[in-house]
C-alpha atoms as a PDB file:
ATOM      1  CA  MET A   1     -23.544  89.329 -13.638  1.00  0.00           C
ATOM      2  CA  ARG A   2     -21.060  86.396 -13.597  1.00  0.00           C
ATOM      3  CA  LYS A   3     -20.194  84.777 -16.803  1.00  0.00           C
ATOM      4  CA  LYS A   4     -20.685  81.078 -16.988  1.00  0.00           C
ATOM      5  CA  ASP A   5     -17.489  79.046 -16.815  1.00  0.00           C
ATOM      6  CA  LYS A   6     -16.551  77.819 -20.222  1.00  0.00           C
ATOM      7  CA  LEU A   7     -16.497  74.066 -20.569  1.00  0.00           C
ATOM      8  CA  PRO A   8     -13.477  72.569 -22.375  1.00  0.00           C
ATOM      9  CA  ARG A   9     -14.253  71.713 -25.926  1.00  0.00           C
ATOM     10  CA  VAL A  10     -13.552  68.153 -27.048  1.00  0.00           C
ATOM     11  CA  SER A  11     -12.232  67.941 -30.522  1.00  0.00           C
ATOM     12  CA  ALA A  12     -13.900  65.644 -33.016  1.00  0.00           C
ATOM     13  CA  SER A  13     -10.697  63.635 -33.408  1.00  0.00           C
ATOM     14  CA  ARG A  14     -10.452  62.992 -29.644  1.00  0.00           C
ATOM     15  CA  ALA A  15     -14.087  61.884 -29.471  1.00  0.00           C
ATOM     16  CA  SER A  16     -13.473  59.535 -32.386  1.00  0.00           C
ATOM     17  CA  ALA A  17     -10.406  58.070 -30.676  1.00  0.00           C
ATOM     18  CA  SER A  18     -12.429  57.494 -27.501  1.00  0.00           C
ATOM     19  CA  ARG A  19     -15.103  55.608 -29.407  1.00  0.00           C
ATOM     20  CA  ALA A  20     -12.427  53.509 -31.139  1.00  0.00           C
ATOM     21  CA  SER A  21     -10.842  52.674 -27.800  1.00  0.00           C
ATOM     22  CA  ARG A  22     -14.180  51.503 -26.359  1.00  0.00           C
ATOM     23  CA  SER A  23     -14.774  49.403 -29.466  1.00  0.00           C
ATOM     24  CA  ALA A  24     -11.321  47.782 -29.196  1.00  0.00           C
ATOM     25  CA  SER A  25     -11.901  47.045 -25.521  1.00  0.00           C
ATOM     26  CA  ALA A  26     -15.208  45.347 -26.285  1.00  0.00           C
ATOM     27  CA  SER A  27     -13.540  43.333 -29.031  1.00  0.00           C
ATOM     28  CA  ARG A  28     -10.815  42.177 -26.650  1.00  0.00           C
ATOM     29  CA  SER A  29     -13.446  41.154 -24.098  1.00  0.00           C
ATOM     30  CA  GLU A  30     -15.276  39.087 -26.691  1.00  0.00           C
ATOM     31  CA  THR A  31     -12.009  37.437 -27.748  1.00  0.00           C
ATOM     32  CA  LEU A  32     -11.131  36.555 -24.142  1.00  0.00           C
ATOM     33  CA  ALA A  33     -14.616  35.149 -23.575  1.00  0.00           C
ATOM     34  CA  LYS A  34     -14.301  32.936 -26.643  1.00  0.00           C
ATOM     35  CA  PHE A  35     -10.851  31.776 -25.520  1.00  0.00           C
ATOM     36  CA  ALA A  36     -12.160  30.906 -22.059  1.00  0.00           C
ATOM     37  CA  ALA A  37     -14.985  28.930 -23.588  1.00  0.00           C
ATOM     38  CA  SER A  38     -12.586  27.025 -25.852  1.00  0.00           C
ATOM     39  CA  THR A  39     -10.339  26.042 -22.931  1.00  0.00           C
ATOM     40  CA  GLY A  40     -13.079  24.747 -20.668  1.00  0.00           C
ATOM     41  CA  PRO A  41     -13.397  21.239 -19.211  1.00  0.00           C
ATOM     42  CA  THR A  42     -11.415  18.467 -20.896  1.00  0.00           C
ATOM     43  CA  PRO A  43     -13.607  16.443 -23.284  1.00  0.00           C
ATOM     44  CA  PRO A  44     -14.293  12.923 -22.009  1.00  0.00           C
ATOM     45  CA  ASP A  45     -12.673  11.296 -25.053  1.00  0.00           C
ATOM     46  CA  VAL A  46      -9.239  12.886 -24.576  1.00  0.00           C
ATOM     47  CA  ALA A  47      -6.739  10.061 -24.105  1.00  0.00           C
ATOM     48  CA  VAL A  48      -5.226   9.396 -20.689  1.00  0.00           C
ATOM     49  CA  GLY A  49      -2.489   6.973 -19.689  1.00  0.00           C
ATOM     50  CA  GLY A  50      -2.925   3.245 -19.244  1.00  0.00           C
ATOM     51  CA  LEU A  51      -0.542   0.834 -17.479  1.00  0.00           C
ATOM     52  CA  LEU A  52       0.078  -2.655 -18.860  1.00  0.00           C
ATOM     53  CA  VAL A  53       1.805  -5.206 -16.609  1.00  0.00           C
ATOM     54  CA  VAL A  54       3.227  -8.160 -18.536  1.00  0.00           C
ATOM     55  CA  VAL A  55       4.168 -11.104 -16.296  1.00  0.00           C
ATOM     56  CA  GLU A  56       6.371 -13.925 -17.516  1.00  0.00           C
ATOM     57  CA  LEU A  57       5.849 -17.345 -15.965  1.00  0.00           C
ATOM     58  CA  GLY A  58       7.906 -17.650 -12.773  1.00  0.00           C
ATOM     59  CA  SER A  59       8.825 -13.959 -12.556  1.00  0.00           C
ATOM     60  CA  GLU A  60       8.542 -11.778  -9.463  1.00  0.00           C
ATOM     61  CA  TRP A  61       5.628  -9.357  -9.205  1.00  0.00           C
ATOM     62  CA  PRO A  62       7.106  -5.921 -10.026  1.00  0.00           C
ATOM     63  CA  SER A  63       6.858  -3.081  -7.518  1.00  0.00           C
ATOM     64  CA  LEU A  64       6.480  -0.683 -10.449  1.00  0.00           C
ATOM     65  CA  ALA A  65       3.071  -2.254 -11.115  1.00  0.00           C
ATOM     66  CA  ALA A  66       1.762  -0.068  -8.283  1.00  0.00           C
ATOM     67  CA  ALA A  67       2.447   3.103 -10.277  1.00  0.00           C
ATOM     68  CA  GLU A  68      -0.459   5.515 -10.629  1.00  0.00           C
ATOM     69  CA  ALA A  69      -2.515   5.034 -13.795  1.00  0.00           C
ATOM     70  CA  SER A  70      -5.982   5.845 -15.056  1.00  0.00           C
ATOM     71  CA  ALA A  71      -6.421   2.237 -16.207  1.00  0.00           C
ATOM     72  CA  ARG A  72      -4.496  -0.954 -15.457  1.00  0.00           C
ATOM     73  CA  ARG A  73      -4.291  -4.281 -17.258  1.00  0.00           C
ATOM     74  CA  VAL A  74      -2.339  -7.429 -16.343  1.00  0.00           C
ATOM     75  CA  VAL A  75      -1.445 -10.096 -18.899  1.00  0.00           C
ATOM     76  CA  ALA A  76       0.326 -13.212 -17.579  1.00  0.00           C
ATOM     77  CA  GLN A  77       2.040 -16.039 -19.402  1.00  0.00           C
ATOM     78  CA  GLN A  78       0.137 -19.300 -19.036  1.00  0.00           C
ATOM     79  CA  ASP A  79       1.509 -22.705 -18.056  1.00  0.00           C
ATOM     80  CA  GLY A  80       2.887 -24.430 -21.122  1.00  0.00           C
ATOM     81  CA  GLU A  81       2.773 -21.245 -23.227  1.00  0.00           C
ATOM     82  CA  THR A  82       6.051 -20.614 -25.051  1.00  0.00           C
ATOM     83  CA  PRO A  83       7.641 -17.145 -25.015  1.00  0.00           C
ATOM     84  CA  ALA A  84       6.884 -16.796 -28.733  1.00  0.00           C
ATOM     85  CA  ALA A  85       3.212 -17.726 -28.262  1.00  0.00           C
ATOM     86  CA  PHE A  86       2.932 -15.357 -25.290  1.00  0.00           C
ATOM     87  CA  ALA A  87       4.397 -12.489 -27.306  1.00  0.00           C
ATOM     88  CA  GLU A  88       2.074 -13.261 -30.213  1.00  0.00           C
ATOM     89  CA  ARG A  89      -0.970 -13.260 -27.917  1.00  0.00           C
ATOM     90  CA  LEU A  90       0.050  -9.867 -26.562  1.00  0.00           C
ATOM     91  CA  ALA A  91       0.647  -8.522 -30.058  1.00  0.00           C
ATOM     92  CA  ASN A  92      -2.803  -9.610 -31.208  1.00  0.00           C
ATOM     93  CA  GLY A  93      -4.588  -8.078 -28.231  1.00  0.00           C
ATOM     94  CA  LEU A  94      -2.533  -4.953 -27.584  1.00  0.00           C
ATOM     95  CA  ASP A  95      -4.830  -2.508 -29.385  1.00  0.00           C
ATOM     96  CA  GLY A  96      -7.931  -3.753 -27.584  1.00  0.00           C
ATOM     97  CA  LEU A  97      -6.614  -3.845 -24.018  1.00  0.00           C
ATOM     98  CA  PHE A  98      -7.833  -0.363 -23.096  1.00  0.00           C
ATOM     99  CA  GLY A  99     -11.140   1.308 -23.804  1.00  0.00           C
ATOM    100  CA  ARG A 100     -11.794   4.435 -25.793  1.00  0.00           C
ATOM    101  CA  GLY A 101      -9.952   7.490 -24.533  1.00  0.00           C
ATOM    102  CA  VAL A 102      -7.189   5.503 -22.802  1.00  0.00           C
ATOM    103  CA  ARG A 103      -3.882   5.177 -24.597  1.00  0.00           C
ATOM    104  CA  LEU A 104      -1.006   2.913 -23.648  1.00  0.00           C
ATOM    105  CA  GLN A 105       1.364   4.972 -21.512  1.00  0.00           C
ATOM    106  CA  THR A 106       3.464   2.502 -19.504  1.00  0.00           C
ATOM    107  CA  VAL A 107       4.494  -1.135 -19.888  1.00  0.00           C
ATOM    108  CA  VAL A 108       6.097  -3.019 -17.003  1.00  0.00           C
ATOM    109  CA  LEU A 109       7.570  -6.301 -18.227  1.00  0.00           C
ATOM    110  CA  ALA A 110       8.321  -8.669 -15.324  1.00  0.00           C
ATOM    111  CA  CYS A 111      11.021 -11.069 -16.532  1.00  0.00           C
ATOM    112  CA  ASN A 112      11.904 -14.544 -15.290  1.00  0.00           C
ATOM    113  CA  GLU A 113      15.427 -15.985 -15.245  1.00  0.00           C
ATOM    114  CA  ARG A 114      15.373 -17.263 -18.834  1.00  0.00           C
ATOM    115  CA  VAL A 115      18.117 -15.802 -21.028  1.00  0.00           C
ATOM    116  CA  ASP A 116      17.793 -18.064 -24.061  1.00  0.00           C
ATOM    117  CA  GLU A 117      17.172 -16.787 -27.554  1.00  0.00           C
ATOM    118  CA  ALA A 118      13.426 -17.473 -27.485  1.00  0.00           C
ATOM    119  CA  ALA A 119      12.885 -15.490 -24.278  1.00  0.00           C
ATOM    120  CA  GLU A 120      14.976 -12.546 -25.472  1.00  0.00           C
ATOM    121  CA  ALA A 121      13.198 -12.434 -28.844  1.00  0.00           C
ATOM    122  CA  ALA A 122       9.796 -12.424 -27.138  1.00  0.00           C
ATOM    123  CA  ARG A 123      10.807  -9.573 -24.790  1.00  0.00           C
ATOM    124  CA  ARG A 124      12.094  -7.537 -27.699  1.00  0.00           C
ATOM    125  CA  LYS A 125       8.907  -8.101 -29.681  1.00  0.00           C
ATOM    126  CA  VAL A 126       6.606  -7.066 -26.829  1.00  0.00           C
ATOM    127  CA  SER A 127       8.719  -4.022 -25.966  1.00  0.00           C
ATOM    128  CA  SER A 128       9.025  -2.883 -29.581  1.00  0.00           C
ATOM    129  CA  LEU A 129       5.294  -3.175 -30.201  1.00  0.00           C
ATOM    130  CA  ALA A 130       4.552  -1.179 -27.040  1.00  0.00           C
ATOM    131  CA  LEU A 131       7.072   1.538 -27.915  1.00  0.00           C
ATOM    132  CA  GLY A 132       5.678   1.727 -31.430  1.00  0.00           C
ATOM    133  CA  SER A 133       2.220   2.373 -30.012  1.00  0.00           C
ATOM    134  CA  MET A 134       3.529   5.023 -27.588  1.00  0.00           C
ATOM    135  CA  ALA A 135       5.567   6.747 -30.290  1.00  0.00           C
ATOM    136  CA  LYS A 136       2.359   7.954 -31.939  1.00  0.00           C
ATOM    137  CA  HIS A 137       1.915  10.296 -28.960  1.00  0.00           C
ATOM    138  CA  GLN A 138       5.638  10.711 -28.152  1.00  0.00           C
ATOM    139  CA  SER A 139       4.948   9.837 -24.542  1.00  0.00           C
ATOM    140  CA  GLY A 140       5.411   6.726 -22.401  1.00  0.00           C
ATOM    141  CA  GLY A 141       7.927   4.167 -21.278  1.00  0.00           C
ATOM    142  CA  VAL A 142       8.850   0.497 -21.042  1.00  0.00           C
ATOM    143  CA  TYR A 143      10.334  -0.917 -17.831  1.00  0.00           C
ATOM    144  CA  LEU A 144      12.108  -4.277 -17.873  1.00  0.00           C
ATOM    145  CA  THR A 145      12.053  -5.625 -14.321  1.00  0.00           C
ATOM    146  CA  ALA A 146      13.504  -8.620 -12.515  1.00  0.00           C
ATOM    147  CA  SER A 147      14.124  -9.776  -8.967  1.00  0.00           C
ATOM    148  CA  SER A 148      16.902  -8.241  -6.895  1.00  0.00           C
ATOM    149  CA  ARG A 149      18.170 -11.814  -6.607  1.00  0.00           C
ATOM    150  CA  SER A 150      18.462 -12.233 -10.372  1.00  0.00           C
ATOM    151  CA  GLY A 151      21.747 -13.506 -11.746  1.00  0.00           C
ATOM    152  CA  GLY A 152      24.384 -11.658 -13.690  1.00  0.00           C
ATOM    153  CA  ARG A 153      23.428 -13.229 -17.035  1.00  0.00           C
ATOM    154  CA  LEU A 154      19.851 -11.950 -16.808  1.00  0.00           C
ATOM    155  CA  ARG A 155      20.980  -8.503 -15.688  1.00  0.00           C
ATOM    156  CA  HIS A 156      23.336  -8.300 -18.632  1.00  0.00           C
ATOM    157  CA  ALA A 157      20.694  -9.558 -21.084  1.00  0.00           C
ATOM    158  CA  LEU A 158      18.039  -7.083 -19.944  1.00  0.00           C
ATOM    159  CA  SER A 159      20.486  -4.174 -19.898  1.00  0.00           C
ATOM    160  CA  ALA A 160      21.614  -5.039 -23.426  1.00  0.00           C
ATOM    161  CA  LEU A 161      18.004  -5.237 -24.585  1.00  0.00           C
ATOM    162  CA  ALA A 162      17.159  -1.889 -23.042  1.00  0.00           C
ATOM    163  CA  GLN A 163      20.230  -0.322 -24.633  1.00  0.00           C
ATOM    164  CA  GLY A 164      19.222  -1.711 -28.014  1.00  0.00           C
ATOM    165  CA  LEU A 165      15.683  -0.353 -27.647  1.00  0.00           C
ATOM    166  CA  PHE A 166      17.107   3.006 -26.635  1.00  0.00           C
ATOM    167  CA  ASP A 167      19.231   3.132 -29.774  1.00  0.00           C
ATOM    168  CA  GLU A 168      16.242   2.174 -31.925  1.00  0.00           C
ATOM    169  CA  TRP A 169      13.755   4.647 -30.391  1.00  0.00           C
ATOM    170  CA  ARG A 170      16.088   7.442 -29.283  1.00  0.00           C
ATOM    171  CA  THR A 171      14.178  10.123 -31.235  1.00  0.00           C
ATOM    172  CA  ALA A 172      10.675   9.158 -30.112  1.00  0.00           C
ATOM    173  CA  GLY A 173      10.627  10.955 -26.748  1.00  0.00           C
ATOM    174  CA  LEU A 174      10.077   7.779 -24.726  1.00  0.00           C
ATOM    175  CA  GLN A 175      11.698   6.057 -21.727  1.00  0.00           C
ATOM    176  CA  VAL A 176      13.359   2.657 -21.537  1.00  0.00           C
ATOM    177  CA  SER A 177      14.553   1.455 -18.136  1.00  0.00           C
ATOM    178  CA  VAL A 178      15.778  -1.653 -16.347  1.00  0.00           C
ATOM    179  CA  ASP A 179      14.868  -2.233 -12.714  1.00  0.00           C
ATOM    180  CA  PHE A 180      16.289  -4.927 -10.452  1.00  0.00           C
ATOM    181  CA  GLY A 181      14.421  -4.794  -7.162  1.00  0.00           C
ATOM    182  CA  GLU A 182      12.850  -2.149  -4.957  1.00  0.00           C
ATOM    183  CA  GLU A 183      13.694   1.539  -5.406  1.00  0.00           C
ATOM    184  CA  THR A 184      12.096   4.765  -4.306  1.00  0.00           C
ATOM    185  CA  ARG A 185      10.308   6.962  -6.816  1.00  0.00           C
ATOM    186  CA  ALA A 186      12.586   9.842  -5.894  1.00  0.00           C
ATOM    187  CA  GLU A 187      15.555   7.990  -7.369  1.00  0.00           C
ATOM    188  CA  GLN A 188      13.894   7.483 -10.728  1.00  0.00           C
ATOM    189  CA  ARG A 189      14.838   9.877 -13.495  1.00  0.00           C
ATOM    190  CA  ALA A 190      12.203  11.428 -15.785  1.00  0.00           C
ATOM    191  CA  THR A 191      14.549  12.404 -18.602  1.00  0.00           C
ATOM    192  CA  PRO A 192      12.770  11.878 -21.970  1.00  0.00           C
ATOM    193  CA  PHE A 193      13.851   8.589 -23.552  1.00  0.00           C
ATOM    194  CA  ALA A 194      16.562   7.958 -21.007  1.00  0.00           C
ATOM    195  CA  PHE A 195      18.246   4.583 -20.782  1.00  0.00           C
ATOM    196  CA  THR A 196      18.869   3.787 -17.135  1.00  0.00           C
ATOM    197  CA  ALA A 197      19.970   0.545 -15.524  1.00  0.00           C
ATOM    198  CA  ARG A 198      18.870   0.651 -11.899  1.00  0.00           C
ATOM    199  CA  VAL A 199      20.286  -1.994  -9.605  1.00  0.00           C
ATOM    200  CA  ALA A 200      19.115  -2.431  -6.010  1.00  0.00           C
END
């Protein structure tokens, strides 16, 4: 009569280790499920970028105004409105330009040929207020634009302003650029808080 084959005996310690392994695996699965649930669809109130186009009286419409944005606003200087009054109007309405969930991401400031003290002070005020708003999220940029036909005095004034803003906000992770005329997007640099003077 054949003897029955002996089955291998499983020690109590090995059985305990197996149960512990299954328990750890279940725990990991629960953790992954919770993580997946927490990283689901983006809530509707998460801020996305808005584009503000500021147009001085007599300036050329900027090509950068066509940049992609989730929301777009245009504020133009009115006939008879001084640079100081225009800047003050922008300052008073800046926080209410975009709805809930849209933060200011980009400002394109289209400049006319004025290079007097009043015009330069107004441009600095608008740019500084915009950069101050963007600095809260450490993301965004200000672009000072003018026509490719603009004169040397304006080019120098805008470049000096951009350089000054760069020095003031160099640690905020933002961009400050000057653009004179049409350029392709491929030529634009995305270096955080880079000062670039781009001439057509």
